[in-house]
Amino acid sequence: MRSCVFVIGTRAQLVKLAPVLRLADESGLRHDVWFTGQHDESIDDLISDFGIRSRFFGAGRRQERSSILRLLVWLPGTLFGCYRYVHSLRTWTQSPPLVVVHGDTLSTWLGALAGRLAGGWVVHIESGLSSNKLTDPFPEELLRRLTFRLTNVALCPNDEAYARMRRYNCKVVHTGENTLLDCVRDATSSSIDEAEVVADSYFVASVHRFQNIYSRTNLTSIVDELLEVSELGAVYFILHPATEKRLRKYQLTEALEAAGNIELRPRMPYTEFLFLISRARGVFSDGGSNQEELSYLGVPTILFRKRSERPDGIGSNVVLYESEMSPLVEYIRQGKLDALRSDPRTDDPVQPSKTVVETLSALAGRSLKDALN
């Protein structure tokens, strides 16, 4: 069997790939993880929480890359390091390794590019998603399209993504859903202390998209909305490192801290976060992963985005923020947010992580020509 290496760089990628890595270990699929170091915070905790036993290799000194400058400094050396690692696998095994990337981050594109340059086969999980607008969201949409062109095998979570990737010169596999569904199932089945929060009495906010946090206007508008919403109940604002820095830079932190009903919280263990959002009256976010999680949970969700590359929950429990909805406090008072609540979908019988591992296991013993046929 040829080698298989997962290139992972962010917290969200590790969360979504956790059930895949566990199944890969249980099935005997020979694999390693090459960690780019794009994120560092809570990575070790996630590995422990999910019981991941895969071998991790990395790009050297680990440090949270929470600014554009740090990412630019990090990128060239990490790309070369990933290339050398994949190339060493090919030299050792005398066959092209499988280079598995996920999603739409810089680490996704970096892993795909390094994989192709080193002669590996690029397998893209969560492939084919698109907002159909190159610059929105930026840079995620651009990174997705660049990765599509480097992909040998596309693992797609829905019909639209599957149809899109059939236009490219690659093998296309339909996984039925995103692997995050398996992760949400595992997390919601865990026992968590329910004394910490009271169901339906609070809201949760999580904002980290480039277009929101690097725009003073956008971030200020979001903060103003949250301040007004806090009149109706507690708001737990989960802070990503980059978001926290921009709030301080724009001098928005003081207003949030002064609000008696807003609590600023650092990122928390995944199972705790899932429990928190699963019992919330509503969630305000701009994250694609949050959109998927909340669509599985049926929790009312407002996305601070003009468009989304994912269909999950749209038209059901998830709506895109529009200026006509402002102020959100009135939207909520009119009962429109509560009306979005829908039934959970965690009992869907599809097993996307199993499909991914079965595909990788089959590819590990085949030629690229056979795989593409």
Protein backbone atom coordinates (compact mmCIF):
# COMPACT_ATOMS: atom_id res chain seq x y z
CA MET A 1 0.00 0.00 0.00
CA ARG A 2 1.19 3.50 -0.82
CA SER A 3 1.61 6.04 1.96
CA CYS A 4 -1.16 8.46 2.90
CA VAL A 5 -0.48 11.84 4.50
CA PHE A 6 -3.13 14.27 5.73
CA VAL A 7 -2.03 17.91 5.49
CA ILE A 8 -3.80 19.83 8.27
CA GLY A 9 -3.24 23.39 9.44
CA THR A 10 -6.28 24.73 11.27
CA ARG A 11 -8.42 23.84 14.22
CA ALA A 12 -11.54 23.44 12.05
CA GLN A 13 -9.73 21.04 9.71
CA LEU A 14 -8.65 18.86 12.60
CA VAL A 15 -12.20 18.81 13.99
CA LYS A 16 -13.68 17.76 10.64
CA LEU A 17 -11.00 15.14 10.01
CA ALA A 18 -11.01 13.67 13.52
CA PRO A 19 -13.57 10.93 12.70
CA VAL A 20 -11.68 10.17 9.47
CA LEU A 21 -8.37 9.83 11.30
CA ARG A 22 -9.90 7.56 13.92
CA LEU A 23 -11.43 5.31 11.27
CA ALA A 24 -8.18 5.29 9.30
CA ASP A 25 -6.38 4.07 12.42
CA GLU A 26 -9.02 1.43 13.16
CA SER A 27 -9.05 0.16 9.57
CA GLY A 28 -5.27 -0.19 9.36
CA LEU A 29 -4.83 2.47 6.66
CA ARG A 30 -1.18 3.50 6.88
CA HIS A 31 -1.15 7.26 7.30
CA ASP A 32 0.50 10.23 8.96
CA VAL A 33 -0.49 13.84 9.57
CA TRP A 34 1.70 16.73 8.44
CA PHE A 35 0.72 19.74 10.52
CA THR A 36 1.44 23.09 8.88
CA GLY A 37 1.14 25.16 12.07
CA GLN A 38 -1.31 27.70 10.60
CA HIS A 39 -3.17 27.44 13.92
CA ASP A 40 -1.69 26.33 17.20
CA GLU A 41 -4.17 27.24 19.94
CA SER A 42 -6.03 24.18 21.32
CA ILE A 43 -4.58 21.78 18.75
CA ASP A 44 -3.08 19.46 21.37
CA ASP A 45 -6.33 19.59 23.34
CA LEU A 46 -8.29 18.58 20.25
CA ILE A 47 -5.98 15.66 19.57
CA SER A 48 -6.54 14.48 23.13
CA ASP A 49 -10.30 15.18 23.18
CA PHE A 50 -10.93 13.21 19.99
CA GLY A 51 -8.61 10.36 20.91
CA ILE A 52 -6.58 10.75 17.70
CA ARG A 53 -3.65 8.32 17.61
CA SER A 54 -2.19 9.28 14.22
CA ARG A 55 1.47 10.26 14.02
CA PHE A 56 1.95 14.01 13.66
CA PHE A 57 4.85 15.66 11.88
CA GLY A 58 5.18 19.37 11.42
CA ALA A 59 6.70 22.51 10.05
CA GLY A 60 8.87 23.27 13.06
CA ARG A 61 8.16 25.88 15.72
CA ARG A 62 4.45 26.15 16.39
CA GLN A 63 2.88 29.57 16.72
CA GLU A 64 -0.63 30.91 16.17
CA ARG A 65 -0.71 32.71 12.80
CA SER A 66 -3.28 35.35 13.66
CA SER A 67 -2.19 38.15 11.34
CA ILE A 68 -1.62 38.57 7.61
CA LEU A 69 2.08 39.37 8.12
CA ARG A 70 2.69 36.19 10.11
CA LEU A 71 0.93 34.13 7.45
CA LEU A 72 3.07 35.66 4.70
CA VAL A 73 6.26 34.93 6.63
CA TRP A 74 5.08 31.39 7.42
CA LEU A 75 3.95 30.40 3.91
CA PRO A 76 7.18 29.90 1.85
CA GLY A 77 9.08 27.84 4.42
CA THR A 78 6.03 25.73 5.22
CA LEU A 79 5.35 25.04 1.54
CA PHE A 80 8.94 23.88 1.04
CA GLY A 81 8.83 21.79 4.22
CA CYS A 82 5.64 20.04 3.10
CA TYR A 83 7.13 19.43 -0.35
CA ARG A 84 10.24 17.82 1.17
CA TYR A 85 8.13 15.61 3.40
CA VAL A 86 5.91 14.36 0.57
CA HIS A 87 8.94 13.90 -1.69
CA SER A 88 10.66 11.81 1.00
CA LEU A 89 7.59 9.55 1.19
CA ARG A 90 7.70 8.99 -2.56
CA THR A 91 11.42 8.24 -2.45
CA TRP A 92 10.96 5.80 0.43
CA THR A 93 7.93 3.94 -0.94
CA GLN A 94 8.84 4.20 -4.65
CA SER A 95 5.22 5.12 -5.39
CA PRO A 96 3.19 8.37 -5.34
CA PRO A 97 1.76 8.97 -1.85
CA LEU A 98 -1.81 10.12 -1.27
CA VAL A 99 -1.77 13.75 -0.10
CA VAL A 100 -5.11 14.43 1.59
CA VAL A 101 -6.18 18.06 2.02
CA HIS A 102 -9.40 19.49 3.37
CA GLY A 103 -11.56 22.54 2.83
CA ASP A 104 -10.55 26.03 1.77
CA THR A 105 -7.70 27.36 3.91
CA LEU A 106 -4.15 28.41 3.05
CA SER A 107 -3.06 25.02 4.38
CA THR A 108 -5.42 23.33 1.91
CA TRP A 109 -3.86 25.00 -1.11
CA LEU A 110 -0.35 24.68 0.35
CA GLY A 111 -0.76 20.93 0.85
CA ALA A 112 -2.25 20.44 -2.62
CA LEU A 113 0.51 22.43 -4.32
CA ALA A 114 3.29 20.69 -2.37
CA GLY A 115 1.68 17.34 -3.11
CA ARG A 116 1.54 17.90 -6.85
CA LEU A 117 5.06 19.36 -7.03
CA ALA A 118 6.41 16.34 -5.13
CA GLY A 119 4.62 13.87 -7.39
CA GLY A 120 1.86 12.84 -5.01
CA TRP A 121 -1.85 12.31 -5.71
CA VAL A 122 -3.96 15.09 -4.23
CA VAL A 123 -7.20 13.99 -2.56
CA HIS A 124 -9.45 16.92 -1.66
CA ILE A 125 -12.07 16.37 1.04
CA GLU A 126 -15.03 18.79 1.07
CA SER A 127 -14.32 19.46 -2.59
CA GLY A 128 -16.52 21.25 -5.09
CA LEU A 129 -18.08 23.85 -2.78
CA SER A 130 -18.33 27.32 -4.32
CA SER A 131 -20.05 30.64 -3.72
CA ASN A 132 -19.85 31.29 -7.50
CA LYS A 133 -18.14 34.62 -6.84
CA LEU A 134 -14.33 34.65 -6.93
CA THR A 135 -13.85 37.40 -4.36
CA ASP A 136 -16.50 36.42 -1.82
CA PRO A 137 -15.67 35.04 0.60
CA PHE A 138 -12.06 36.12 0.20
CA PRO A 139 -9.60 34.42 0.21
CA GLU A 140 -11.47 31.13 0.74
CA GLU A 141 -13.20 31.05 -2.66
CA LEU A 142 -9.94 31.73 -4.49
CA LEU A 143 -8.14 29.02 -2.50
CA ARG A 144 -10.91 26.53 -3.29
CA ARG A 145 -10.68 27.14 -7.03
CA LEU A 146 -6.89 26.88 -7.03
CA THR A 147 -7.14 23.60 -5.11
CA PHE A 148 -9.73 22.19 -7.56
CA ARG A 149 -7.17 22.49 -10.35
CA LEU A 150 -4.58 20.56 -8.33
CA THR A 151 -6.95 17.76 -7.31
CA ASN A 152 -6.66 14.17 -8.52
CA VAL A 153 -9.53 12.79 -6.43
CA ALA A 154 -12.41 14.99 -5.24
CA LEU A 155 -14.57 13.88 -2.31
CA CYS A 156 -17.75 15.95 -2.52
CA PRO A 157 -20.41 16.41 0.20
CA ASN A 158 -23.44 17.22 -1.98
CA ASP A 159 -24.91 16.94 -5.47
CA GLU A 160 -23.96 20.45 -6.58
CA ALA A 161 -20.32 20.00 -5.53
CA TYR A 162 -20.23 16.58 -7.21
CA ALA A 163 -21.51 18.03 -10.50
CA ARG A 164 -19.02 20.90 -10.34
CA MET A 165 -15.97 18.66 -9.87
CA ARG A 166 -16.99 16.44 -12.78
CA ARG A 167 -15.88 19.33 -15.00
CA TYR A 168 -12.31 18.84 -13.84
CA ASN A 169 -9.87 16.11 -14.85
CA CYS A 170 -10.19 14.13 -11.63
CA LYS A 171 -12.00 11.21 -10.05
CA VAL A 172 -15.12 12.35 -8.19
CA VAL A 173 -16.70 10.60 -5.18
CA HIS A 174 -19.97 11.61 -3.47
CA THR A 175 -19.66 11.29 0.34
CA GLY A 176 -23.34 12.08 0.98
CA GLU A 177 -22.60 14.69 3.64
CA ASN A 178 -19.67 16.46 5.22
CA THR A 179 -17.50 14.52 7.68
CA LEU A 180 -18.48 17.13 10.25
CA LEU A 181 -21.78 15.27 10.64
CA ASP A 182 -19.89 12.34 12.20
CA CYS A 183 -18.06 14.73 14.48
CA VAL A 184 -21.27 16.43 15.64
CA ARG A 185 -22.83 13.03 16.33
CA ASP A 186 -19.87 12.06 18.51
CA ALA A 187 -19.76 15.37 20.34
CA THR A 188 -23.49 15.55 21.09
CA SER A 189 -23.46 12.01 22.44
CA SER A 190 -20.82 12.98 25.02
CA SER A 191 -21.93 13.83 28.55
CA ILE A 192 -21.38 17.48 29.43
CA ASP A 193 -22.21 19.30 32.62
CA GLU A 194 -25.57 20.91 31.87
CA ALA A 195 -25.44 23.11 34.96
CA GLU A 196 -23.31 25.70 33.14
CA VAL A 197 -26.08 27.10 30.95
CA VAL A 198 -29.87 27.24 30.81
CA ALA A 199 -31.49 26.17 27.53
CA ASP A 200 -32.86 28.86 25.20
CA SER A 201 -31.91 31.76 27.45
CA TYR A 202 -28.80 32.98 25.67
CA PHE A 203 -27.19 33.70 22.31
CA VAL A 204 -23.77 32.71 20.94
CA ALA A 205 -21.58 34.76 18.59
CA SER A 206 -18.51 33.58 16.68
CA VAL A 207 -16.94 35.82 14.04
CA HIS A 208 -13.60 35.33 12.30
CA ARG A 209 -13.92 35.80 8.51
CA PHE A 210 -11.28 38.00 6.88
CA GLN A 211 -13.91 40.22 5.27
CA ASN A 212 -15.54 40.93 8.63
CA ILE A 213 -12.68 41.28 11.08
CA TYR A 214 -10.34 43.23 8.79
CA SER A 215 -13.04 45.78 8.02
CA ARG A 216 -13.57 48.33 10.78
CA THR A 217 -17.01 49.11 9.36
CA ASN A 218 -18.16 45.50 9.24
CA LEU A 219 -16.81 44.55 12.65
CA THR A 220 -18.21 47.69 14.29
CA SER A 221 -21.63 46.97 12.78
CA ILE A 222 -21.56 43.41 14.11
CA VAL A 223 -20.55 44.58 17.58
CA ASP A 224 -23.35 47.18 17.58
CA GLU A 225 -25.88 44.48 16.69
CA LEU A 226 -24.62 42.20 19.47
CA LEU A 227 -24.79 45.02 22.02
CA GLU A 228 -28.47 45.54 21.20
CA VAL A 229 -29.23 41.80 21.18
CA SER A 230 -27.77 41.55 24.68
CA GLU A 231 -30.84 43.46 25.88
CA LEU A 232 -32.82 40.24 25.30
CA GLY A 233 -30.45 37.77 26.92
CA ALA A 234 -26.86 36.84 27.59
CA VAL A 235 -24.50 36.79 24.59
CA TYR A 236 -21.48 34.51 24.72
CA PHE A 237 -18.94 35.92 22.26
CA ILE A 238 -16.39 33.21 21.41
CA LEU A 239 -13.13 34.91 20.46
CA HIS A 240 -10.78 33.63 17.79
CA PRO A 241 -7.23 34.99 18.34
CA ALA A 242 -7.36 37.11 15.16
CA THR A 243 -10.80 38.47 16.09
CA GLU A 244 -9.63 39.45 19.55
CA LYS A 245 -6.71 41.40 18.05
CA ARG A 246 -8.92 43.31 15.65
CA LEU A 247 -11.46 44.15 18.36
CA ARG A 248 -8.67 45.71 20.39
CA LYS A 249 -7.20 47.49 17.37
CA TYR A 250 -10.55 49.08 16.54
CA GLN A 251 -11.17 49.90 20.24
CA LEU A 252 -14.32 47.79 20.36
CA THR A 253 -13.32 45.58 23.27
CA GLU A 254 -14.17 48.14 25.94
CA ALA A 255 -17.78 48.48 24.78
CA LEU A 256 -18.20 44.70 24.82
CA GLU A 257 -16.63 44.35 28.25
CA ALA A 258 -18.77 47.17 29.61
CA ALA A 259 -21.99 45.53 28.45
CA GLY A 260 -23.40 43.68 31.41
CA ASN A 261 -24.94 40.89 29.38
CA ILE A 262 -22.05 40.05 27.01
CA GLU A 263 -19.39 37.56 28.05
CA LEU A 264 -16.18 37.33 26.04
CA ARG A 265 -14.93 33.75 26.04
CA PRO A 266 -11.79 32.18 24.56
CA ARG A 267 -12.20 29.24 22.20
CA MET A 268 -13.22 26.17 24.16
CA PRO A 269 -12.99 22.38 23.77
CA TYR A 270 -15.10 21.23 20.84
CA THR A 271 -17.62 19.16 22.81
CA GLU A 272 -18.25 22.10 25.14
CA PHE A 273 -18.73 24.44 22.19
CA LEU A 274 -21.19 22.04 20.53
CA PHE A 275 -23.16 21.79 23.76
CA LEU A 276 -23.22 25.58 24.07
CA ILE A 277 -24.57 26.23 20.57
CA SER A 278 -26.96 23.27 20.65
CA ARG A 279 -28.92 24.84 23.53
CA ALA A 280 -28.71 28.46 22.36
CA ARG A 281 -31.75 30.51 21.43
CA GLY A 282 -29.80 31.65 18.39
CA VAL A 283 -26.28 31.85 16.98
CA PHE A 284 -24.61 34.70 15.08
CA SER A 285 -21.64 33.56 13.02
CA ASP A 286 -19.79 33.94 9.72
CA GLY A 287 -18.17 30.49 9.69
CA GLY A 288 -18.88 27.72 7.20
CA SER A 289 -18.22 25.03 9.78
CA ASN A 290 -20.61 26.71 12.20
CA GLN A 291 -23.23 26.83 9.45
CA GLU A 292 -22.93 23.08 8.94
CA GLU A 293 -22.92 22.25 12.65
CA LEU A 294 -25.97 24.38 13.28
CA SER A 295 -27.81 22.95 10.28
CA TYR A 296 -27.35 19.48 11.80
CA LEU A 297 -28.54 20.78 15.19
CA GLY A 298 -31.47 22.84 13.86
CA VAL A 299 -30.53 25.92 15.91
CA PRO A 300 -31.65 29.34 14.54
CA THR A 301 -28.63 30.95 12.89
CA ILE A 302 -27.79 34.33 11.36
CA LEU A 303 -24.72 34.30 9.08
CA PHE A 304 -22.90 37.62 8.78
CA ARG A 305 -22.20 36.97 5.10
CA LYS A 306 -23.67 38.01 1.75
CA ARG A 307 -23.38 34.50 0.29
CA SER A 308 -22.33 31.01 1.31
CA GLU A 309 -20.68 28.21 -0.65
CA ARG A 310 -22.66 25.68 1.41
CA PRO A 311 -26.36 24.86 1.06
CA ASP A 312 -26.57 23.44 4.61
CA GLY A 313 -29.48 24.93 6.52
CA ILE A 314 -30.12 27.75 4.02
CA GLY A 315 -33.87 28.25 3.75
CA SER A 316 -34.45 26.27 6.92
CA ASN A 317 -32.74 27.27 10.17
CA VAL A 318 -29.97 29.40 8.62
CA VAL A 319 -30.38 32.83 7.00
CA LEU A 320 -27.83 35.23 5.54
CA TYR A 321 -27.68 38.62 7.20
CA GLU A 322 -29.27 41.45 5.23
CA SER A 323 -29.43 45.16 6.03
CA GLU A 324 -33.24 44.92 6.15
CA MET A 325 -32.87 42.67 9.23
CA SER A 326 -31.18 45.45 11.21
CA PRO A 327 -31.62 46.02 14.04
CA LEU A 328 -31.48 42.33 14.87
CA VAL A 329 -33.00 42.99 18.26
CA GLU A 330 -36.30 43.88 16.54
CA TYR A 331 -36.03 40.88 14.23
CA ILE A 332 -35.80 38.71 17.33
CA ARG A 333 -38.57 40.51 19.20
CA GLN A 334 -40.88 39.86 16.26
CA GLY A 335 -40.29 36.14 16.69
CA LYS A 336 -38.54 35.72 13.32
CA LEU A 337 -35.37 34.18 14.79
CA ASP A 338 -37.25 31.68 16.95
CA ALA A 339 -39.32 30.65 13.91
CA LEU A 340 -36.15 29.36 12.23
CA ARG A 341 -35.69 26.47 14.66
CA SER A 342 -35.90 23.10 12.92
CA ASP A 343 -35.53 19.42 13.77
CA PRO A 344 -31.96 18.11 14.25
CA ARG A 345 -30.47 16.00 11.45
CA THR A 346 -27.90 14.08 13.48
CA ASP A 347 -29.77 10.80 13.00
CA ASP A 348 -29.21 10.86 9.22
CA PRO A 349 -27.93 7.35 8.35
CA VAL A 350 -25.23 8.56 5.92
CA GLN A 351 -21.62 7.93 7.10
CA PRO A 352 -19.34 10.33 5.21
CA SER A 353 -16.17 9.52 7.17
CA LYS A 354 -16.56 5.83 6.38
CA THR A 355 -16.89 6.65 2.67
CA VAL A 356 -13.73 8.77 2.83
CA VAL A 357 -11.65 6.04 4.48
CA GLU A 358 -12.98 3.35 2.15
CA THR A 359 -12.02 5.53 -0.83
CA LEU A 360 -8.53 6.20 0.53
CA SER A 361 -8.00 2.51 1.26
CA ALA A 362 -8.99 1.63 -2.31
CA LEU A 363 -6.73 4.33 -3.77
CA ALA A 364 -3.79 3.23 -1.67
CA GLY A 365 -3.51 0.01 -3.62
CA ARG A 366 -4.26 1.26 -7.14
CA SER A 367 -2.49 3.12 -9.94
CA LEU A 368 -3.54 6.67 -10.71
CA LYS A 369 -4.77 5.54 -14.15
CA ASP A 370 -7.03 2.93 -12.58
CA ALA A 371 -8.22 5.40 -9.92
CA LEU A 372 -9.30 7.95 -12.52
CA ASN A 373 -11.27 5.37 -14.49
